[in-house]
Structure formats: C-alpha cells, structure tokens
Amino acid sequence: MGRRNAAPSKGDLREQALLDAAEELLAHTSPENLTVEAIAQKAGISRGSLYFYFGSKHEVLAALVERTVRTIRAHADATARDESAPVEAMERAVRATEEIWRAHSTVMRAAVDYSALHPVVGAAWSETVERFARTMTQVLRGAGIPDDDGPDGASALAEALCWMTERTFYRASCAPDGDLGRASATICEVWRRVMTG
C-alpha cells in the first residue's frame, strides 16, 4: 500500500536543497572547483550530512544533471505526442530546449563539459540527446523525409541536427552576451531548411 501523503519527505527536500545549492554554485564555480564543503554550506547542512545523500561531488553533479535531463526528456515526450504540423512541432521543441538552457545553463554546460570525465553524466547526457533524436526522427518523417538507413534518412539527419542543436546552445550559453534567442532562431532555420527542402 502506497503512502497517503504525496508530500516530499524531509530527506527528499534536503536532497533537492543540495542539488539547488550545487546549481547555484555552478554559476560561479567550475565543476572541477566545486567542493562538497561548499555545496553543504550553501544548503545549510554539515559536510557529514551531505554524505548521507551523496557519496561525492561527482554523485551530486550526476544527480543534478539527471534532474535537469528529466525535464528535457519530458519535452521530448511532449514533442512525440504533438499532433501539429511538423515544422510547428520542431519550433516548439527548439523553443522548449532554449527555455531549459535559459533556466539551467550552468547545469547544461557542466553536463557537456563533465560528460567526458564522468561516465554517469556522459551516459545520461548522451541518452537524453539520443532520445530527443528519436523523437525528432518522427517529426522529420512527418515532414516527408525518407525513413531509410542512409545519410539523408530521417534518423541520421535527426541525430546530426540534435547534436548540432546541443552544441549551438552550449556555445551561445558560454558567450559573453549569451544570446540564446538568436541561437534558437538559427537552429529553427536550419531544421526548417532540412524539413522543407
């Protein structure tokens, strides 16, 4: 029998506070320089208490990336259910991705930067981009792109375009002006040209 009360437990709230603290710290600290002490202090708990929830800063980062990519996966699922015209579905997907980059750019950049160094983060990040590529393959098929195994098939194009989207948002979020809106417009234009020939 499940719990009657769906409210998060005290432990769940503390874990979320630790992840929120880590995300805030990433705005001013690289993943390499982020420390367990700083995360614990920012969350208002002792270092020892942090170890009750996470074994290391790497586990904190992995959980933070996982929390963020769950949002991206939810948008991928929403795009898969989108019954509007393919170009409109693509534009909504790109704009939703822009909003996630805008809200969580420090985590998204850390995921990209850290994915080569930490296998759990790398796997979560790659699986998320690949999941979006599978969804966008359906969108490209709906736009009339052939569903074959060649380099111009819907699957190959979706994978390349999703990785291009990831890299374009990453570079925009790293730039001093951080113009994610411009990046989003360019990404939509590239997708649109592929979809409409």
C-alpha atoms as a PDB file:
ATOM      1  CA  MET A   1       0.000   0.000   0.000  1.00  0.00           C
ATOM      2  CA  GLY A   2       1.430   3.425  -1.015  1.00  0.00           C
ATOM      3  CA  ARG A   3       1.788   6.466   1.162  1.00  0.00           C
ATOM      4  CA  ARG A   4      -1.348   8.503   1.599  1.00  0.00           C
ATOM      5  CA  ASN A   5       0.532  11.746   1.755  1.00  0.00           C
ATOM      6  CA  ALA A   6       2.247  12.608  -1.531  1.00  0.00           C
ATOM      7  CA  ALA A   7       4.258  15.407   0.093  1.00  0.00           C
ATOM      8  CA  PRO A   8       8.027  15.028  -0.233  1.00  0.00           C
ATOM      9  CA  SER A   9       9.837  13.671   2.789  1.00  0.00           C
ATOM     10  CA  LYS A  10      12.301  15.722   4.803  1.00  0.00           C
ATOM     11  CA  GLY A  11      15.109  13.727   3.183  1.00  0.00           C
ATOM     12  CA  ASP A  12      13.762  14.433  -0.302  1.00  0.00           C
ATOM     13  CA  LEU A  13      13.605  18.150   0.483  1.00  0.00           C
ATOM     14  CA  ARG A  14      17.166  18.121   1.825  1.00  0.00           C
ATOM     15  CA  GLU A  15      18.383  16.276  -1.284  1.00  0.00           C
ATOM     16  CA  GLN A  16      16.672  18.860  -3.506  1.00  0.00           C
ATOM     17  CA  ALA A  17      18.232  21.655  -1.419  1.00  0.00           C
ATOM     18  CA  LEU A  18      21.667  20.131  -2.024  1.00  0.00           C
ATOM     19  CA  LEU A  19      21.022  19.974  -5.771  1.00  0.00           C
ATOM     20  CA  ASP A  20      19.721  23.560  -5.775  1.00  0.00           C
ATOM     21  CA  ALA A  21      22.850  24.662  -3.895  1.00  0.00           C
ATOM     22  CA  ALA A  22      25.112  22.888  -6.379  1.00  0.00           C
ATOM     23  CA  GLU A  23      23.289  24.503  -9.310  1.00  0.00           C
ATOM     24  CA  GLU A  24      23.655  27.961  -7.745  1.00  0.00           C
ATOM     25  CA  LEU A  25      27.354  27.383  -7.102  1.00  0.00           C
ATOM     26  CA  LEU A  26      27.942  26.275 -10.700  1.00  0.00           C
ATOM     27  CA  ALA A  27      27.030  29.799 -11.799  1.00  0.00           C
ATOM     28  CA  HIS A  28      30.366  30.944 -10.310  1.00  0.00           C
ATOM     29  CA  THR A  29      32.417  27.753  -9.977  1.00  0.00           C
ATOM     30  CA  SER A  30      33.573  25.169 -12.495  1.00  0.00           C
ATOM     31  CA  PRO A  31      32.641  21.521 -11.862  1.00  0.00           C
ATOM     32  CA  GLU A  32      36.315  20.814 -11.120  1.00  0.00           C
ATOM     33  CA  ASN A  33      36.444  23.506  -8.411  1.00  0.00           C
ATOM     34  CA  LEU A  34      33.072  22.702  -6.878  1.00  0.00           C
ATOM     35  CA  THR A  35      33.550  21.165  -3.431  1.00  0.00           C
ATOM     36  CA  VAL A  36      31.437  19.068  -1.095  1.00  0.00           C
ATOM     37  CA  GLU A  37      32.078  21.642   1.644  1.00  0.00           C
ATOM     38  CA  ALA A  38      30.738  24.496  -0.496  1.00  0.00           C
ATOM     39  CA  ILE A  39      27.634  22.534  -1.501  1.00  0.00           C
ATOM     40  CA  ALA A  40      26.885  21.548   2.103  1.00  0.00           C
ATOM     41  CA  GLN A  41      27.456  25.076   3.393  1.00  0.00           C
ATOM     42  CA  LYS A  42      25.246  26.614   0.673  1.00  0.00           C
ATOM     43  CA  ALA A  43      22.485  24.102   1.528  1.00  0.00           C
ATOM     44  CA  GLY A  44      22.851  24.873   5.243  1.00  0.00           C
ATOM     45  CA  ILE A  45      23.909  21.392   6.352  1.00  0.00           C
ATOM     46  CA  SER A  46      27.119  19.782   7.550  1.00  0.00           C
ATOM     47  CA  ARG A  47      29.531  18.040   5.226  1.00  0.00           C
ATOM     48  CA  GLY A  48      28.811  14.784   7.063  1.00  0.00           C
ATOM     49  CA  SER A  49      25.090  15.181   6.432  1.00  0.00           C
ATOM     50  CA  LEU A  50      25.722  15.634   2.719  1.00  0.00           C
ATOM     51  CA  TYR A  51      27.399  12.224   2.649  1.00  0.00           C
ATOM     52  CA  PHE A  52      24.137  10.709   3.871  1.00  0.00           C
ATOM     53  CA  TYR A  53      22.642  11.671   0.496  1.00  0.00           C
ATOM     54  CA  PHE A  54      25.620  11.654  -1.866  1.00  0.00           C
ATOM     55  CA  GLY A  55      28.963   9.872  -1.706  1.00  0.00           C
ATOM     56  CA  SER A  56      30.918  12.591  -3.518  1.00  0.00           C
ATOM     57  CA  LYS A  57      30.611  15.790  -5.502  1.00  0.00           C
ATOM     58  CA  HIS A  58      30.559  13.592  -8.621  1.00  0.00           C
ATOM     59  CA  GLU A  59      27.352  11.974  -7.359  1.00  0.00           C
ATOM     60  CA  VAL A  60      25.880  15.417  -6.665  1.00  0.00           C
ATOM     61  CA  LEU A  61      26.717  16.535 -10.207  1.00  0.00           C
ATOM     62  CA  ALA A  62      25.332  13.322 -11.696  1.00  0.00           C
ATOM     63  CA  ALA A  63      22.068  13.762  -9.747  1.00  0.00           C
ATOM     64  CA  LEU A  64      21.874  17.419 -10.763  1.00  0.00           C
ATOM     65  CA  VAL A  65      22.345  16.549 -14.429  1.00  0.00           C
ATOM     66  CA  GLU A  66      19.794  13.738 -14.118  1.00  0.00           C
ATOM     67  CA  ARG A  67      17.250  16.109 -12.567  1.00  0.00           C
ATOM     68  CA  THR A  68      17.730  18.561 -15.436  1.00  0.00           C
ATOM     69  CA  VAL A  69      17.659  15.979 -18.220  1.00  0.00           C
ATOM     70  CA  ARG A  70      14.369  14.640 -16.857  1.00  0.00           C
ATOM     71  CA  THR A  71      12.915  17.999 -17.882  1.00  0.00           C
ATOM     72  CA  ILE A  72      14.430  17.663 -21.354  1.00  0.00           C
ATOM     73  CA  ARG A  73      13.082  14.128 -21.675  1.00  0.00           C
ATOM     74  CA  ALA A  74       9.618  15.351 -20.685  1.00  0.00           C
ATOM     75  CA  HIS A  75       9.796  17.892 -23.515  1.00  0.00           C
ATOM     76  CA  ALA A  76      10.918  15.159 -25.909  1.00  0.00           C
ATOM     77  CA  ASP A  77       7.908  13.095 -24.862  1.00  0.00           C
ATOM     78  CA  ALA A  78       5.611  16.107 -25.358  1.00  0.00           C
ATOM     79  CA  THR A  79       7.059  16.645 -28.833  1.00  0.00           C
ATOM     80  CA  ALA A  80       6.441  12.983 -29.651  1.00  0.00           C
ATOM     81  CA  ARG A  81       2.755  13.493 -28.750  1.00  0.00           C
ATOM     82  CA  ASP A  82       2.498  16.806 -30.631  1.00  0.00           C
ATOM     83  CA  GLU A  83      -0.016  16.401 -33.450  1.00  0.00           C
ATOM     84  CA  SER A  84       0.563  19.782 -35.078  1.00  0.00           C
ATOM     85  CA  ALA A  85       2.360  20.294 -38.383  1.00  0.00           C
ATOM     86  CA  PRO A  86       5.964  19.018 -38.294  1.00  0.00           C
ATOM     87  CA  VAL A  87       7.568  22.468 -38.639  1.00  0.00           C
ATOM     88  CA  GLU A  88       5.440  23.796 -35.775  1.00  0.00           C
ATOM     89  CA  ALA A  89       6.314  20.784 -33.606  1.00  0.00           C
ATOM     90  CA  MET A  90      10.009  21.336 -34.344  1.00  0.00           C
ATOM     91  CA  GLU A  91       9.801  25.030 -33.481  1.00  0.00           C
ATOM     92  CA  ARG A  92       8.061  24.269 -30.179  1.00  0.00           C
ATOM     93  CA  ALA A  93      10.713  21.646 -29.370  1.00  0.00           C
ATOM     94  CA  VAL A  94      13.571  24.058 -30.099  1.00  0.00           C
ATOM     95  CA  ARG A  95      11.942  26.868 -28.089  1.00  0.00           C
ATOM     96  CA  ALA A  96      11.364  24.492 -25.160  1.00  0.00           C
ATOM     97  CA  THR A  97      15.020  23.464 -25.338  1.00  0.00           C
ATOM     98  CA  GLU A  98      16.012  27.144 -25.373  1.00  0.00           C
ATOM     99  CA  GLU A  99      13.982  27.702 -22.199  1.00  0.00           C
ATOM    100  CA  ILE A 100      15.697  24.799 -20.468  1.00  0.00           C
ATOM    101  CA  TRP A 101      19.099  26.200 -21.455  1.00  0.00           C
ATOM    102  CA  ARG A 102      17.993  29.615 -20.214  1.00  0.00           C
ATOM    103  CA  ALA A 103      16.788  28.267 -16.858  1.00  0.00           C
ATOM    104  CA  HIS A 104      19.572  25.721 -16.287  1.00  0.00           C
ATOM    105  CA  SER A 105      22.519  26.838 -18.416  1.00  0.00           C
ATOM    106  CA  THR A 106      25.063  26.197 -15.664  1.00  0.00           C
ATOM    107  CA  VAL A 107      23.937  22.585 -15.320  1.00  0.00           C
ATOM    108  CA  MET A 108      23.686  22.087 -19.068  1.00  0.00           C
ATOM    109  CA  ARG A 109      27.218  23.418 -19.605  1.00  0.00           C
ATOM    110  CA  ALA A 110      28.504  21.274 -16.744  1.00  0.00           C
ATOM    111  CA  ALA A 111      26.847  18.232 -18.319  1.00  0.00           C
ATOM    112  CA  VAL A 112      28.595  18.883 -21.625  1.00  0.00           C
ATOM    113  CA  ASP A 113      31.941  19.721 -20.030  1.00  0.00           C
ATOM    114  CA  TYR A 114      31.833  16.908 -17.500  1.00  0.00           C
ATOM    115  CA  SER A 115      30.389  14.150 -19.683  1.00  0.00           C
ATOM    116  CA  ALA A 116      33.794  13.044 -20.966  1.00  0.00           C
ATOM    117  CA  LEU A 117      35.196  12.852 -17.425  1.00  0.00           C
ATOM    118  CA  HIS A 118      32.317  11.205 -15.592  1.00  0.00           C
ATOM    119  CA  PRO A 119      30.704   8.162 -17.242  1.00  0.00           C
ATOM    120  CA  VAL A 120      27.373   8.501 -15.395  1.00  0.00           C
ATOM    121  CA  VAL A 121      26.972  12.113 -16.503  1.00  0.00           C
ATOM    122  CA  GLY A 122      28.127  11.247 -20.026  1.00  0.00           C
ATOM    123  CA  ALA A 123      25.665   8.386 -20.312  1.00  0.00           C
ATOM    124  CA  ALA A 124      22.744  10.488 -19.026  1.00  0.00           C
ATOM    125  CA  TRP A 125      23.574  13.340 -21.384  1.00  0.00           C
ATOM    126  CA  SER A 126      24.066  11.137 -24.456  1.00  0.00           C
ATOM    127  CA  GLU A 127      20.897   9.164 -23.748  1.00  0.00           C
ATOM    128  CA  THR A 128      18.937  12.411 -23.494  1.00  0.00           C
ATOM    129  CA  VAL A 129      20.218  13.801 -26.796  1.00  0.00           C
ATOM    130  CA  GLU A 130      19.620  10.420 -28.455  1.00  0.00           C
ATOM    131  CA  ARG A 131      16.088  10.270 -27.036  1.00  0.00           C
ATOM    132  CA  PHE A 132      15.380  13.684 -28.497  1.00  0.00           C
ATOM    133  CA  ALA A 133      16.864  12.494 -31.806  1.00  0.00           C
ATOM    134  CA  ARG A 134      14.453   9.541 -31.851  1.00  0.00           C
ATOM    135  CA  THR A 135      11.561  11.925 -31.244  1.00  0.00           C
ATOM    136  CA  MET A 136      12.750  14.336 -33.916  1.00  0.00           C
ATOM    137  CA  THR A 137      13.145  11.415 -36.335  1.00  0.00           C
ATOM    138  CA  GLN A 138       9.354  11.052 -36.111  1.00  0.00           C
ATOM    139  CA  VAL A 139       8.940  14.783 -36.757  1.00  0.00           C
ATOM    140  CA  LEU A 140      11.202  14.591 -39.831  1.00  0.00           C
ATOM    141  CA  ARG A 141       9.273  11.570 -41.116  1.00  0.00           C
ATOM    142  CA  GLY A 142       6.094  13.606 -40.745  1.00  0.00           C
ATOM    143  CA  ALA A 143       7.725  16.292 -42.898  1.00  0.00           C
ATOM    144  CA  GLY A 144       8.325  13.723 -45.645  1.00  0.00           C
ATOM    145  CA  ILE A 145      11.999  12.930 -45.007  1.00  0.00           C
ATOM    146  CA  PRO A 146      12.588   9.328 -46.102  1.00  0.00           C
ATOM    147  CA  ASP A 147      12.853   6.723 -43.381  1.00  0.00           C
ATOM    148  CA  ASP A 148      15.922   4.848 -44.563  1.00  0.00           C
ATOM    149  CA  ASP A 149      19.350   3.998 -43.192  1.00  0.00           C
ATOM    150  CA  GLY A 150      21.281   6.322 -45.491  1.00  0.00           C
ATOM    151  CA  PRO A 151      22.985   9.571 -44.546  1.00  0.00           C
ATOM    152  CA  ASP A 152      19.984  11.536 -45.785  1.00  0.00           C
ATOM    153  CA  GLY A 153      17.423   9.437 -43.884  1.00  0.00           C
ATOM    154  CA  ALA A 154      15.276  10.861 -41.096  1.00  0.00           C
ATOM    155  CA  SER A 155      17.225   9.102 -38.333  1.00  0.00           C
ATOM    156  CA  ALA A 156      20.686  10.227 -39.478  1.00  0.00           C
ATOM    157  CA  LEU A 157      19.519  13.795 -40.035  1.00  0.00           C
ATOM    158  CA  ALA A 158      17.728  13.971 -36.684  1.00  0.00           C
ATOM    159  CA  GLU A 159      20.788  12.714 -34.817  1.00  0.00           C
ATOM    160  CA  ALA A 160      23.116  15.204 -36.539  1.00  0.00           C
ATOM    161  CA  LEU A 161      20.690  18.074 -36.059  1.00  0.00           C
ATOM    162  CA  CYS A 162      20.093  17.279 -32.377  1.00  0.00           C
ATOM    163  CA  TRP A 163      23.843  17.257 -31.677  1.00  0.00           C
ATOM    164  CA  MET A 164      24.148  20.499 -33.674  1.00  0.00           C
ATOM    165  CA  THR A 165      21.350  21.946 -31.536  1.00  0.00           C
ATOM    166  CA  GLU A 166      23.121  20.891 -28.333  1.00  0.00           C
ATOM    167  CA  ARG A 167      26.432  22.398 -29.435  1.00  0.00           C
ATOM    168  CA  THR A 168      24.851  25.650 -30.692  1.00  0.00           C
ATOM    169  CA  PHE A 169      23.018  26.247 -27.417  1.00  0.00           C
ATOM    170  CA  TYR A 170      26.156  25.318 -25.475  1.00  0.00           C
ATOM    171  CA  ARG A 171      28.278  27.832 -27.384  1.00  0.00           C
ATOM    172  CA  ALA A 172      25.621  30.545 -27.053  1.00  0.00           C
ATOM    173  CA  SER A 173      25.346  29.960 -23.302  1.00  0.00           C
ATOM    174  CA  CYS A 174      29.144  30.287 -22.960  1.00  0.00           C
ATOM    175  CA  ALA A 175      29.305  33.553 -24.927  1.00  0.00           C
ATOM    176  CA  PRO A 176      29.521  36.842 -23.012  1.00  0.00           C
ATOM    177  CA  ASP A 177      26.202  38.048 -24.474  1.00  0.00           C
ATOM    178  CA  GLY A 178      24.576  34.605 -24.044  1.00  0.00           C
ATOM    179  CA  ASP A 179      22.100  35.237 -26.871  1.00  0.00           C
ATOM    180  CA  LEU A 180      20.085  32.032 -26.657  1.00  0.00           C
ATOM    181  CA  GLY A 181      17.207  33.618 -28.580  1.00  0.00           C
ATOM    182  CA  ARG A 182      19.404  34.221 -31.617  1.00  0.00           C
ATOM    183  CA  ALA A 183      20.818  30.696 -31.343  1.00  0.00           C
ATOM    184  CA  SER A 184      17.274  29.336 -31.176  1.00  0.00           C
ATOM    185  CA  ALA A 185      16.240  31.263 -34.297  1.00  0.00           C
ATOM    186  CA  THR A 186      19.257  29.955 -36.223  1.00  0.00           C
ATOM    187  CA  ILE A 187      18.636  26.385 -35.060  1.00  0.00           C
ATOM    188  CA  CYS A 188      14.994  26.612 -36.172  1.00  0.00           C
ATOM    189  CA  GLU A 189      16.097  27.938 -39.555  1.00  0.00           C
ATOM    190  CA  VAL A 190      18.489  25.016 -40.100  1.00  0.00           C
ATOM    191  CA  TRP A 191      15.839  22.475 -39.094  1.00  0.00           C
ATOM    192  CA  ARG A 192      13.250  24.238 -41.279  1.00  0.00           C
ATOM    193  CA  ARG A 193      15.506  24.138 -44.350  1.00  0.00           C
ATOM    194  CA  VAL A 194      16.095  20.419 -43.873  1.00  0.00           C
ATOM    195  CA  MET A 195      12.376  19.797 -43.414  1.00  0.00           C
ATOM    196  CA  THR A 196      11.132  21.889 -46.334  1.00  0.00           C
ATOM    197  CA  GLY A 197      13.952  21.195 -48.791  1.00  0.00           C
END
